[in-house]
């Protein structure tokens, strides 16, 4: 039977990285407020965990800033109607990156390329 993921607010722990991914996954419903909380938690946890946790914090920080950039670009391009399509593509990218991060973390693996602009 699979063990349920741990959740913790203790910086530098696997449970904390799980919590940040969960905040990110529900953030679109709450207008990114939870994602902002998550990225702050990732910054506060940097330097307090092992290499695995540091890798996931780096991934989470990159997901936040790249999604913010994608949203800004999509918002600006909404006036020429391509922005809506770009936003939907960015949302798919966001969700896939989070799910891949959660899967890697639950398997005890590092994210292959946390700085990637792709999937």
C-alpha atoms as a PDB file:
ATOM      1  CA  UNK A   1       0.000   0.000   0.000  1.00  0.00           C
ATOM      2  CA  UNK A   2       1.357   3.434  -0.958  1.00  0.00           C
ATOM      3  CA  UNK A   3       2.235   5.788   1.852  1.00  0.00           C
ATOM      4  CA  UNK A   4       0.482   9.157   1.763  1.00  0.00           C
ATOM      5  CA  UNK A   5       2.772  12.151   1.257  1.00  0.00           C
ATOM      6  CA  UNK A   6       3.930  13.955   4.357  1.00  0.00           C
ATOM      7  CA  UNK A   7       3.099  17.613   4.832  1.00  0.00           C
ATOM      8  CA  UNK A   8       5.205  19.873   7.047  1.00  0.00           C
ATOM      9  CA  UNK A   9       5.986  23.526   7.560  1.00  0.00           C
ATOM     10  CA  UNK A  10       9.476  22.624   8.778  1.00  0.00           C
ATOM     11  CA  UNK A  11      11.940  24.125   6.231  1.00  0.00           C
ATOM     12  CA  UNK A  12      14.363  21.723   4.635  1.00  0.00           C
ATOM     13  CA  UNK A  13      12.123  18.667   4.874  1.00  0.00           C
ATOM     14  CA  UNK A  14      10.414  16.546   2.238  1.00  0.00           C
ATOM     15  CA  UNK A  15       7.062  17.386   3.843  1.00  0.00           C
ATOM     16  CA  UNK A  16       7.712  21.088   3.338  1.00  0.00           C
ATOM     17  CA  UNK A  17       8.537  20.575  -0.348  1.00  0.00           C
ATOM     18  CA  UNK A  18       5.323  18.516  -0.691  1.00  0.00           C
ATOM     19  CA  UNK A  19       3.322  21.317   0.916  1.00  0.00           C
ATOM     20  CA  UNK A  20       4.754  23.861  -1.524  1.00  0.00           C
ATOM     21  CA  UNK A  21       3.810  21.677  -4.512  1.00  0.00           C
ATOM     22  CA  UNK A  22       0.280  21.335  -3.095  1.00  0.00           C
ATOM     23  CA  UNK A  23       0.025  25.104  -2.607  1.00  0.00           C
ATOM     24  CA  UNK A  24       1.108  25.566  -6.211  1.00  0.00           C
ATOM     25  CA  UNK A  25      -1.409  23.076  -7.579  1.00  0.00           C
ATOM     26  CA  UNK A  26      -4.380  24.833  -5.929  1.00  0.00           C
ATOM     27  CA  UNK A  27      -3.017  28.350  -6.500  1.00  0.00           C
ATOM     28  CA  UNK A  28      -4.847  29.046  -9.800  1.00  0.00           C
ATOM     29  CA  UNK A  29      -8.142  28.820  -7.905  1.00  0.00           C
ATOM     30  CA  UNK A  30      -6.954  31.423  -5.384  1.00  0.00           C
ATOM     31  CA  UNK A  31      -5.422  33.919  -7.824  1.00  0.00           C
ATOM     32  CA  UNK A  32      -1.831  32.830  -7.172  1.00  0.00           C
ATOM     33  CA  UNK A  33      -1.872  33.931  -3.516  1.00  0.00           C
ATOM     34  CA  UNK A  34      -0.986  30.405  -2.432  1.00  0.00           C
ATOM     35  CA  UNK A  35       1.805  30.244  -5.017  1.00  0.00           C
ATOM     36  CA  UNK A  36       3.285  33.409  -3.518  1.00  0.00           C
ATOM     37  CA  UNK A  37       3.177  31.802  -0.072  1.00  0.00           C
ATOM     38  CA  UNK A  38       4.781  28.684  -1.569  1.00  0.00           C
ATOM     39  CA  UNK A  39       7.673  30.529  -3.199  1.00  0.00           C
ATOM     40  CA  UNK A  40       8.356  32.397   0.046  1.00  0.00           C
ATOM     41  CA  UNK A  41       8.448  29.054   1.844  1.00  0.00           C
ATOM     42  CA  UNK A  42      10.846  27.683  -0.796  1.00  0.00           C
ATOM     43  CA  UNK A  43      13.159  30.682  -0.364  1.00  0.00           C
ATOM     44  CA  UNK A  44      13.037  30.294   3.428  1.00  0.00           C
ATOM     45  CA  UNK A  45      13.829  26.577   3.138  1.00  0.00           C
ATOM     46  CA  UNK A  46      16.811  27.016   0.812  1.00  0.00           C
ATOM     47  CA  UNK A  47      20.050  25.978   2.438  1.00  0.00           C
ATOM     48  CA  UNK A  48      18.308  23.974   5.170  1.00  0.00           C
ATOM     49  CA  UNK A  49      17.798  20.628   3.445  1.00  0.00           C
ATOM     50  CA  UNK A  50      19.780  17.918   1.740  1.00  0.00           C
ATOM     51  CA  UNK A  51      20.595  17.926  -1.987  1.00  0.00           C
ATOM     52  CA  UNK A  52      17.239  16.356  -2.900  1.00  0.00           C
ATOM     53  CA  UNK A  53      15.210  19.003  -1.099  1.00  0.00           C
ATOM     54  CA  UNK A  54      17.410  21.821  -2.439  1.00  0.00           C
ATOM     55  CA  UNK A  55      16.802  20.529  -5.972  1.00  0.00           C
ATOM     56  CA  UNK A  56      13.035  20.630  -5.428  1.00  0.00           C
ATOM     57  CA  UNK A  57      13.169  24.102  -3.883  1.00  0.00           C
ATOM     58  CA  UNK A  58      15.099  25.293  -6.938  1.00  0.00           C
ATOM     59  CA  UNK A  59      12.446  23.703  -9.167  1.00  0.00           C
ATOM     60  CA  UNK A  60       9.627  25.336  -7.198  1.00  0.00           C
ATOM     61  CA  UNK A  61      11.239  28.771  -7.306  1.00  0.00           C
ATOM     62  CA  UNK A  62      11.753  28.463 -11.062  1.00  0.00           C
ATOM     63  CA  UNK A  63       8.167  27.314 -11.605  1.00  0.00           C
ATOM     64  CA  UNK A  64       6.864  30.373  -9.752  1.00  0.00           C
ATOM     65  CA  UNK A  65       8.946  32.989 -11.570  1.00  0.00           C
ATOM     66  CA  UNK A  66       8.496  31.465 -15.020  1.00  0.00           C
ATOM     67  CA  UNK A  67       4.735  31.147 -14.585  1.00  0.00           C
ATOM     68  CA  UNK A  68       4.581  34.765 -13.447  1.00  0.00           C
ATOM     69  CA  UNK A  69       6.495  35.796 -16.578  1.00  0.00           C
ATOM     70  CA  UNK A  70       4.238  33.653 -18.786  1.00  0.00           C
ATOM     71  CA  UNK A  71       1.157  35.257 -17.199  1.00  0.00           C
ATOM     72  CA  UNK A  72       2.493  38.769 -17.742  1.00  0.00           C
ATOM     73  CA  UNK A  73       3.304  38.060 -21.388  1.00  0.00           C
ATOM     74  CA  UNK A  74      -0.082  36.387 -21.898  1.00  0.00           C
ATOM     75  CA  UNK A  75      -1.829  39.333 -20.264  1.00  0.00           C
ATOM     76  CA  UNK A  76      -0.090  41.804 -22.551  1.00  0.00           C
ATOM     77  CA  UNK A  77      -0.890  39.722 -25.633  1.00  0.00           C
ATOM     78  CA  UNK A  78      -4.544  39.289 -24.706  1.00  0.00           C
ATOM     79  CA  UNK A  79      -5.261  42.458 -26.628  1.00  0.00           C
ATOM     80  CA  UNK A  80      -4.386  40.642 -29.848  1.00  0.00           C
ATOM     81  CA  UNK A  81      -6.218  37.477 -28.707  1.00  0.00           C
ATOM     82  CA  UNK A  82      -3.197  35.173 -28.757  1.00  0.00           C
ATOM     83  CA  UNK A  83      -2.682  35.840 -25.058  1.00  0.00           C
ATOM     84  CA  UNK A  84      -5.549  33.546 -24.058  1.00  0.00           C
ATOM     85  CA  UNK A  85      -3.979  30.629 -25.936  1.00  0.00           C
ATOM     86  CA  UNK A  86      -0.581  31.409 -24.451  1.00  0.00           C
ATOM     87  CA  UNK A  87      -2.095  31.503 -20.977  1.00  0.00           C
ATOM     88  CA  UNK A  88      -3.720  28.099 -21.475  1.00  0.00           C
ATOM     89  CA  UNK A  89      -0.401  26.679 -22.716  1.00  0.00           C
ATOM     90  CA  UNK A  90       1.349  28.201 -19.689  1.00  0.00           C
ATOM     91  CA  UNK A  91      -1.251  26.694 -17.364  1.00  0.00           C
ATOM     92  CA  UNK A  92      -0.641  23.245 -18.863  1.00  0.00           C
ATOM     93  CA  UNK A  93       3.138  23.784 -18.469  1.00  0.00           C
ATOM     94  CA  UNK A  94       2.600  24.848 -14.830  1.00  0.00           C
ATOM     95  CA  UNK A  95       0.505  21.815 -13.936  1.00  0.00           C
ATOM     96  CA  UNK A  96       2.823  19.353 -15.697  1.00  0.00           C
ATOM     97  CA  UNK A  97       5.905  20.783 -13.950  1.00  0.00           C
ATOM     98  CA  UNK A  98       4.203  20.530 -10.561  1.00  0.00           C
ATOM     99  CA  UNK A  99       2.989  16.962 -11.129  1.00  0.00           C
ATOM    100  CA  UNK A 100       6.424  15.882 -12.368  1.00  0.00           C
ATOM    101  CA  UNK A 101       8.003  17.494  -9.302  1.00  0.00           C
ATOM    102  CA  UNK A 102       5.566  15.756  -6.958  1.00  0.00           C
ATOM    103  CA  UNK A 103       6.211  12.406  -8.625  1.00  0.00           C
ATOM    104  CA  UNK A 104       9.982  12.841  -8.404  1.00  0.00           C
ATOM    105  CA  UNK A 105       9.786  13.917  -4.757  1.00  0.00           C
ATOM    106  CA  UNK A 106       7.564  11.015  -3.753  1.00  0.00           C
ATOM    107  CA  UNK A 107      10.017   8.627  -5.470  1.00  0.00           C
ATOM    108  CA  UNK A 108      12.931  10.288  -3.660  1.00  0.00           C
ATOM    109  CA  UNK A 109      14.427  11.520  -6.931  1.00  0.00           C
ATOM    110  CA  UNK A 110      15.716  14.878  -8.064  1.00  0.00           C
ATOM    111  CA  UNK A 111      14.031  16.912 -10.791  1.00  0.00           C
ATOM    112  CA  UNK A 112      16.163  16.353 -13.900  1.00  0.00           C
ATOM    113  CA  UNK A 113      16.514  19.980 -14.963  1.00  0.00           C
ATOM    114  CA  UNK A 114      14.867  22.366 -12.486  1.00  0.00           C
ATOM    115  CA  UNK A 115      15.916  25.441 -14.473  1.00  0.00           C
ATOM    116  CA  UNK A 116      14.318  24.223 -17.711  1.00  0.00           C
ATOM    117  CA  UNK A 117      11.871  26.438 -19.583  1.00  0.00           C
ATOM    118  CA  UNK A 118      10.277  23.323 -21.057  1.00  0.00           C
ATOM    119  CA  UNK A 119       8.521  20.353 -19.499  1.00  0.00           C
END
